[in-house]
Amino acid sequence: MGLQQLIQHMKGLRKYIIVSALIFGLGILLGCMNRYEGVMQSTLSEMADLTKAAEQWPNYELGLFSMLLLNNISALLFVLYGGAFFGLLPVYFLILNGMVVGHMVTQEIAKGSGWEYILSILPNGIFEWLAIILASAYGIRFGFLLLDGLISLPSQKGRARVKVSFTAFFRSLIPLMGLLLLLLFLAAGLEVFVSSRLF
């Protein structure tokens, strides 16, 4: 499946992408309200640990870029295939990451540097958030496909229909991973080599 076919496939998953974007937005709203702050601490601690690990590299920026890229790739793979649990893990991931964004923005606004912080995260954030939403949409779709497969087991026609859907879904994964890698590469590069120097 090429890029054009992937785009066509994404159009067929438009409702999942929209739902994922709305769930991410809900997470941002919850983060801005400073709800469930304890839930976010593990994610914030992981971010701090990445920075500490990068300090051990001879070149800090290259180390941070590598750590961010690898961490984000593993997270999105977890989300994509974690959709096997009926789409619950992608939903949790969307809300958690949205909450972190909302919480950090709120904290910076309280310090009087809200707009500066927003401008600093937008260049890399656009690519990273798009990757999160796309991977989660596919993860949720994966969960629904598995559920549909279980429901359709007694029916021969149902099994044949689900088989076609599964084939199309898995054929789209290779070009999707290429697109996600590109988005994450751009996000990590902009965060380390551009945003950190401008703000």
C-alpha atoms as a PDB file:
ATOM      1  CA  MET A   1       0.000   0.000   0.000  1.00  0.00           C
ATOM      2  CA  GLY A   2       1.424   3.356  -1.074  1.00  0.00           C
ATOM      3  CA  LEU A   3       0.981   6.801   0.423  1.00  0.00           C
ATOM      4  CA  GLN A   4      -2.080   7.636  -1.685  1.00  0.00           C
ATOM      5  CA  GLN A   5      -3.752   4.391  -0.687  1.00  0.00           C
ATOM      6  CA  LEU A   6      -2.898   5.101   2.964  1.00  0.00           C
ATOM      7  CA  ILE A   7      -4.554   8.508   2.685  1.00  0.00           C
ATOM      8  CA  GLN A   8      -7.642   6.880   1.203  1.00  0.00           C
ATOM      9  CA  HIS A   9      -7.626   4.333   4.017  1.00  0.00           C
ATOM     10  CA  MET A  10      -7.386   7.166   6.578  1.00  0.00           C
ATOM     11  CA  LYS A  11     -10.412   8.822   5.032  1.00  0.00           C
ATOM     12  CA  GLY A  12     -12.295   5.622   5.778  1.00  0.00           C
ATOM     13  CA  LEU A  13     -11.128   5.924   9.399  1.00  0.00           C
ATOM     14  CA  ARG A  14     -12.101   9.594   9.625  1.00  0.00           C
ATOM     15  CA  LYS A  15     -14.558   9.027  12.480  1.00  0.00           C
ATOM     16  CA  TYR A  16     -11.874   7.271  14.555  1.00  0.00           C
ATOM     17  CA  ILE A  17      -9.429  10.132  13.931  1.00  0.00           C
ATOM     18  CA  ILE A  18     -12.061  12.711  14.916  1.00  0.00           C
ATOM     19  CA  VAL A  19     -12.963  10.767  18.075  1.00  0.00           C
ATOM     20  CA  SER A  20      -9.265  10.449  18.984  1.00  0.00           C
ATOM     21  CA  ALA A  21      -8.769  14.207  18.526  1.00  0.00           C
ATOM     22  CA  LEU A  22     -11.803  14.912  20.737  1.00  0.00           C
ATOM     23  CA  ILE A  23     -10.536  12.546  23.453  1.00  0.00           C
ATOM     24  CA  PHE A  24      -7.128  14.253  23.325  1.00  0.00           C
ATOM     25  CA  GLY A  25      -8.894  17.612  23.647  1.00  0.00           C
ATOM     26  CA  LEU A  26     -10.823  16.301  26.652  1.00  0.00           C
ATOM     27  CA  GLY A  27      -7.519  15.326  28.236  1.00  0.00           C
ATOM     28  CA  ILE A  28      -6.167  18.844  27.673  1.00  0.00           C
ATOM     29  CA  LEU A  29      -9.292  20.279  29.318  1.00  0.00           C
ATOM     30  CA  LEU A  30      -8.903  17.993  32.337  1.00  0.00           C
ATOM     31  CA  GLY A  31      -5.236  18.971  32.582  1.00  0.00           C
ATOM     32  CA  CYS A  32      -6.124  22.671  32.499  1.00  0.00           C
ATOM     33  CA  MET A  33      -8.544  22.051  35.362  1.00  0.00           C
ATOM     34  CA  ASN A  34      -5.666  20.446  37.320  1.00  0.00           C
ATOM     35  CA  ARG A  35      -7.703  17.316  37.900  1.00  0.00           C
ATOM     36  CA  TYR A  36      -6.077  13.947  38.596  1.00  0.00           C
ATOM     37  CA  GLU A  37      -2.643  15.545  38.947  1.00  0.00           C
ATOM     38  CA  GLY A  38      -1.299  12.409  40.612  1.00  0.00           C
ATOM     39  CA  VAL A  39      -2.040  10.364  37.476  1.00  0.00           C
ATOM     40  CA  MET A  40       0.271  12.600  35.442  1.00  0.00           C
ATOM     41  CA  GLN A  41       3.257  12.383  37.754  1.00  0.00           C
ATOM     42  CA  SER A  42       4.592   9.153  36.232  1.00  0.00           C
ATOM     43  CA  THR A  43       4.581  10.695  32.748  1.00  0.00           C
ATOM     44  CA  LEU A  44       6.222  13.889  33.988  1.00  0.00           C
ATOM     45  CA  SER A  45       8.830  11.802  35.830  1.00  0.00           C
ATOM     46  CA  GLU A  46       9.576   9.852  32.639  1.00  0.00           C
ATOM     47  CA  MET A  47      10.164  13.130  30.793  1.00  0.00           C
ATOM     48  CA  ALA A  48      12.588  14.237  33.511  1.00  0.00           C
ATOM     49  CA  ASP A  49      14.355  10.861  33.348  1.00  0.00           C
ATOM     50  CA  LEU A  50      14.876  11.272  29.583  1.00  0.00           C
ATOM     51  CA  THR A  51      16.609  14.585  30.190  1.00  0.00           C
ATOM     52  CA  LYS A  52      18.856  13.036  32.843  1.00  0.00           C
ATOM     53  CA  ALA A  53      19.707  10.102  30.576  1.00  0.00           C
ATOM     54  CA  ALA A  54      20.590  12.482  27.726  1.00  0.00           C
ATOM     55  CA  GLU A  55      23.054  14.273  30.014  1.00  0.00           C
ATOM     56  CA  GLN A  56      25.178  11.109  30.020  1.00  0.00           C
ATOM     57  CA  TRP A  57      25.743  11.373  26.258  1.00  0.00           C
ATOM     58  CA  PRO A  58      28.879  13.138  24.954  1.00  0.00           C
ATOM     59  CA  ASN A  59      26.549  15.370  22.925  1.00  0.00           C
ATOM     60  CA  TYR A  60      23.529  16.362  25.009  1.00  0.00           C
ATOM     61  CA  GLU A  61      21.318  17.486  22.112  1.00  0.00           C
ATOM     62  CA  LEU A  62      21.980  14.350  20.079  1.00  0.00           C
ATOM     63  CA  GLY A  63      21.342  12.243  23.166  1.00  0.00           C
ATOM     64  CA  LEU A  64      18.068  14.005  23.940  1.00  0.00           C
ATOM     65  CA  PHE A  65      16.953  13.720  20.313  1.00  0.00           C
ATOM     66  CA  SER A  66      17.680   9.975  20.316  1.00  0.00           C
ATOM     67  CA  MET A  67      15.999   9.405  23.672  1.00  0.00           C
ATOM     68  CA  LEU A  68      12.879  11.347  22.685  1.00  0.00           C
ATOM     69  CA  LEU A  69      12.599   9.581  19.347  1.00  0.00           C
ATOM     70  CA  LEU A  70      13.007   6.085  20.797  1.00  0.00           C
ATOM     71  CA  ASN A  71      10.646   6.809  23.681  1.00  0.00           C
ATOM     72  CA  ASN A  72       7.949   8.164  21.370  1.00  0.00           C
ATOM     73  CA  ILE A  73       8.303   5.275  18.915  1.00  0.00           C
ATOM     74  CA  SER A  74       7.917   2.681  21.684  1.00  0.00           C
ATOM     75  CA  ALA A  75       4.932   4.596  23.126  1.00  0.00           C
ATOM     76  CA  LEU A  76       3.117   4.728  19.793  1.00  0.00           C
ATOM     77  CA  LEU A  77       3.771   1.039  19.113  1.00  0.00           C
ATOM     78  CA  PHE A  78       2.310   0.305  22.538  1.00  0.00           C
ATOM     79  CA  VAL A  79      -0.750   2.430  21.707  1.00  0.00           C
ATOM     80  CA  LEU A  80      -1.219   0.986  18.239  1.00  0.00           C
ATOM     81  CA  TYR A  81      -1.070  -2.653  19.245  1.00  0.00           C
ATOM     82  CA  GLY A  82      -2.485  -1.985  22.710  1.00  0.00           C
ATOM     83  CA  GLY A  83      -5.732  -1.338  20.900  1.00  0.00           C
ATOM     84  CA  ALA A  84      -6.147  -5.114  21.015  1.00  0.00           C
ATOM     85  CA  PHE A  85      -7.647  -4.553  24.485  1.00  0.00           C
ATOM     86  CA  PHE A  86     -10.806  -3.276  22.786  1.00  0.00           C
ATOM     87  CA  GLY A  87      -9.339   0.190  22.248  1.00  0.00           C
ATOM     88  CA  LEU A  88      -9.049   1.032  25.942  1.00  0.00           C
ATOM     89  CA  LEU A  89      -5.283   1.645  26.068  1.00  0.00           C
ATOM     90  CA  PRO A  90      -5.280   4.203  23.212  1.00  0.00           C
ATOM     91  CA  VAL A  91      -8.107   6.091  24.948  1.00  0.00           C
ATOM     92  CA  TYR A  92      -6.147   6.144  28.216  1.00  0.00           C
ATOM     93  CA  PHE A  93      -2.994   7.260  26.368  1.00  0.00           C
ATOM     94  CA  LEU A  94      -4.849  10.107  24.627  1.00  0.00           C
ATOM     95  CA  ILE A  95      -6.369  11.397  27.860  1.00  0.00           C
ATOM     96  CA  LEU A  96      -3.101  11.120  29.796  1.00  0.00           C
ATOM     97  CA  ASN A  97      -1.036  12.944  27.176  1.00  0.00           C
ATOM     98  CA  GLY A  98      -3.702  15.610  26.770  1.00  0.00           C
ATOM     99  CA  MET A  99      -3.767  16.108  30.528  1.00  0.00           C
ATOM    100  CA  VAL A 100       0.005  16.602  30.602  1.00  0.00           C
ATOM    101  CA  VAL A 101      -0.220  19.264  27.879  1.00  0.00           C
ATOM    102  CA  GLY A 102      -3.083  21.057  29.611  1.00  0.00           C
ATOM    103  CA  HIS A 103      -1.396  20.872  33.015  1.00  0.00           C
ATOM    104  CA  MET A 104       1.915  22.243  31.741  1.00  0.00           C
ATOM    105  CA  VAL A 105       0.217  25.104  29.877  1.00  0.00           C
ATOM    106  CA  THR A 106      -1.777  26.018  32.988  1.00  0.00           C
ATOM    107  CA  GLN A 107       1.349  25.980  35.147  1.00  0.00           C
ATOM    108  CA  GLU A 108       3.201  28.272  32.739  1.00  0.00           C
ATOM    109  CA  ILE A 109       0.229  30.652  32.516  1.00  0.00           C
ATOM    110  CA  ALA A 110       0.271  30.885  36.320  1.00  0.00           C
ATOM    111  CA  LYS A 111       3.947  31.882  36.092  1.00  0.00           C
ATOM    112  CA  GLY A 112       3.149  34.547  33.516  1.00  0.00           C
ATOM    113  CA  SER A 113       4.924  32.771  30.645  1.00  0.00           C
ATOM    114  CA  GLY A 114       1.963  30.953  29.132  1.00  0.00           C
ATOM    115  CA  TRP A 115       2.176  32.329  25.585  1.00  0.00           C
ATOM    116  CA  GLU A 116       5.926  31.819  25.435  1.00  0.00           C
ATOM    117  CA  TYR A 117       5.479  28.200  26.507  1.00  0.00           C
ATOM    118  CA  ILE A 118       2.665  27.596  23.993  1.00  0.00           C
ATOM    119  CA  LEU A 119       4.787  29.022  21.180  1.00  0.00           C
ATOM    120  CA  SER A 120       7.723  26.856  22.266  1.00  0.00           C
ATOM    121  CA  ILE A 121       5.754  23.592  22.109  1.00  0.00           C
ATOM    122  CA  LEU A 122       3.703  24.302  18.987  1.00  0.00           C
ATOM    123  CA  PRO A 123       6.404  23.579  16.342  1.00  0.00           C
ATOM    124  CA  ASN A 124       7.137  20.073  17.610  1.00  0.00           C
ATOM    125  CA  GLY A 125       3.756  19.587  19.260  1.00  0.00           C
ATOM    126  CA  ILE A 126       1.817  19.757  15.997  1.00  0.00           C
ATOM    127  CA  PHE A 127       3.740  16.786  14.588  1.00  0.00           C
ATOM    128  CA  GLU A 128       3.815  14.826  17.844  1.00  0.00           C
ATOM    129  CA  TRP A 129       0.123  15.311  18.590  1.00  0.00           C
ATOM    130  CA  LEU A 130      -0.812  14.353  15.047  1.00  0.00           C
ATOM    131  CA  ALA A 131       1.222  11.148  15.426  1.00  0.00           C
ATOM    132  CA  ILE A 132      -0.473  10.415  18.776  1.00  0.00           C
ATOM    133  CA  ILE A 133      -3.948  10.969  17.336  1.00  0.00           C
ATOM    134  CA  LEU A 134      -3.304   8.840  14.227  1.00  0.00           C
ATOM    135  CA  ALA A 135      -1.725   5.960  16.160  1.00  0.00           C
ATOM    136  CA  SER A 136      -4.540   6.034  18.715  1.00  0.00           C
ATOM    137  CA  ALA A 137      -7.194   6.118  15.981  1.00  0.00           C
ATOM    138  CA  TYR A 138      -5.665   3.004  14.441  1.00  0.00           C
ATOM    139  CA  GLY A 139      -5.378   1.406  17.872  1.00  0.00           C
ATOM    140  CA  ILE A 140      -9.058   2.043  18.596  1.00  0.00           C
ATOM    141  CA  ARG A 141      -9.965   0.715  15.146  1.00  0.00           C
ATOM    142  CA  PHE A 142      -7.895  -2.398  15.877  1.00  0.00           C
ATOM    143  CA  GLY A 143      -9.877  -2.945  19.068  1.00  0.00           C
ATOM    144  CA  PHE A 144     -13.211  -2.645  17.241  1.00  0.00           C
ATOM    145  CA  LEU A 145     -11.995  -5.010  14.523  1.00  0.00           C
ATOM    146  CA  LEU A 146     -11.152  -7.650  17.117  1.00  0.00           C
ATOM    147  CA  LEU A 147     -14.507  -7.153  18.818  1.00  0.00           C
ATOM    148  CA  ASP A 148     -16.266  -7.412  15.453  1.00  0.00           C
ATOM    149  CA  GLY A 149     -14.268 -10.554  14.715  1.00  0.00           C
ATOM    150  CA  LEU A 150     -15.394 -12.190  17.952  1.00  0.00           C
ATOM    151  CA  ILE A 151     -19.029 -11.277  17.343  1.00  0.00           C
ATOM    152  CA  SER A 152     -18.869 -12.510  13.740  1.00  0.00           C
ATOM    153  CA  LEU A 153     -17.324 -15.910  14.518  1.00  0.00           C
ATOM    154  CA  PRO A 154     -20.614 -17.864  14.218  1.00  0.00           C
ATOM    155  CA  SER A 155     -21.360 -16.394  10.767  1.00  0.00           C
ATOM    156  CA  GLN A 156     -19.438 -17.428   7.648  1.00  0.00           C
ATOM    157  CA  LYS A 157     -20.349 -14.177   5.891  1.00  0.00           C
ATOM    158  CA  GLY A 158     -19.329 -12.240   8.989  1.00  0.00           C
ATOM    159  CA  ARG A 159     -15.960 -13.994   9.139  1.00  0.00           C
ATOM    160  CA  ALA A 160     -15.353 -13.262   5.456  1.00  0.00           C
ATOM    161  CA  ARG A 161     -16.230  -9.592   5.932  1.00  0.00           C
ATOM    162  CA  VAL A 162     -13.952  -9.247   8.960  1.00  0.00           C
ATOM    163  CA  LYS A 163     -11.130 -10.984   7.092  1.00  0.00           C
ATOM    164  CA  VAL A 164     -11.314  -8.344   4.351  1.00  0.00           C
ATOM    165  CA  SER A 165     -11.282  -5.573   6.971  1.00  0.00           C
ATOM    166  CA  PHE A 166      -8.304  -7.112   8.787  1.00  0.00           C
ATOM    167  CA  THR A 167      -6.375  -7.493   5.527  1.00  0.00           C
ATOM    168  CA  ALA A 168      -6.900  -3.840   4.621  1.00  0.00           C
ATOM    169  CA  PHE A 169      -5.999  -2.758   8.146  1.00  0.00           C
ATOM    170  CA  PHE A 170      -2.729  -4.683   8.361  1.00  0.00           C
ATOM    171  CA  ARG A 171      -1.718  -3.699   4.809  1.00  0.00           C
ATOM    172  CA  SER A 172      -1.984  -0.068   5.894  1.00  0.00           C
ATOM    173  CA  LEU A 173       0.305  -0.528   8.916  1.00  0.00           C
ATOM    174  CA  ILE A 174       3.634  -0.443   7.029  1.00  0.00           C
ATOM    175  CA  PRO A 175       3.045   2.927   5.296  1.00  0.00           C
ATOM    176  CA  LEU A 176       1.396   4.182   8.497  1.00  0.00           C
ATOM    177  CA  MET A 177       4.518   3.367  10.505  1.00  0.00           C
ATOM    178  CA  GLY A 178       6.597   5.214   7.905  1.00  0.00           C
ATOM    179  CA  LEU A 179       4.384   8.279   8.312  1.00  0.00           C
ATOM    180  CA  LEU A 180       4.461   8.067  12.119  1.00  0.00           C
ATOM    181  CA  LEU A 181       8.263   7.758  12.117  1.00  0.00           C
ATOM    182  CA  LEU A 182       8.527  10.846   9.918  1.00  0.00           C
ATOM    183  CA  LEU A 183       6.221  12.823  12.220  1.00  0.00           C
ATOM    184  CA  LEU A 184       8.126  11.727  15.339  1.00  0.00           C
ATOM    185  CA  PHE A 185      11.484  12.462  13.702  1.00  0.00           C
ATOM    186  CA  LEU A 186      10.323  15.995  12.856  1.00  0.00           C
ATOM    187  CA  ALA A 187       8.836  16.480  16.328  1.00  0.00           C
ATOM    188  CA  ALA A 188      12.010  15.397  18.152  1.00  0.00           C
ATOM    189  CA  GLY A 189      14.237  17.418  15.807  1.00  0.00           C
ATOM    190  CA  LEU A 190      12.192  20.588  16.213  1.00  0.00           C
ATOM    191  CA  GLU A 191      11.976  20.196  19.987  1.00  0.00           C
ATOM    192  CA  VAL A 192      15.700  19.677  20.501  1.00  0.00           C
ATOM    193  CA  PHE A 193      17.328  21.714  17.749  1.00  0.00           C
ATOM    194  CA  VAL A 194      14.834  24.525  17.163  1.00  0.00           C
ATOM    195  CA  SER A 195      12.369  25.207  19.996  1.00  0.00           C
ATOM    196  CA  SER A 196      14.955  24.860  22.767  1.00  0.00           C
ATOM    197  CA  ARG A 197      17.132  27.496  21.069  1.00  0.00           C
ATOM    198  CA  LEU A 198      14.373  29.953  20.271  1.00  0.00           C
ATOM    199  CA  PHE A 199      12.640  29.975  23.644  1.00  0.00           C
END
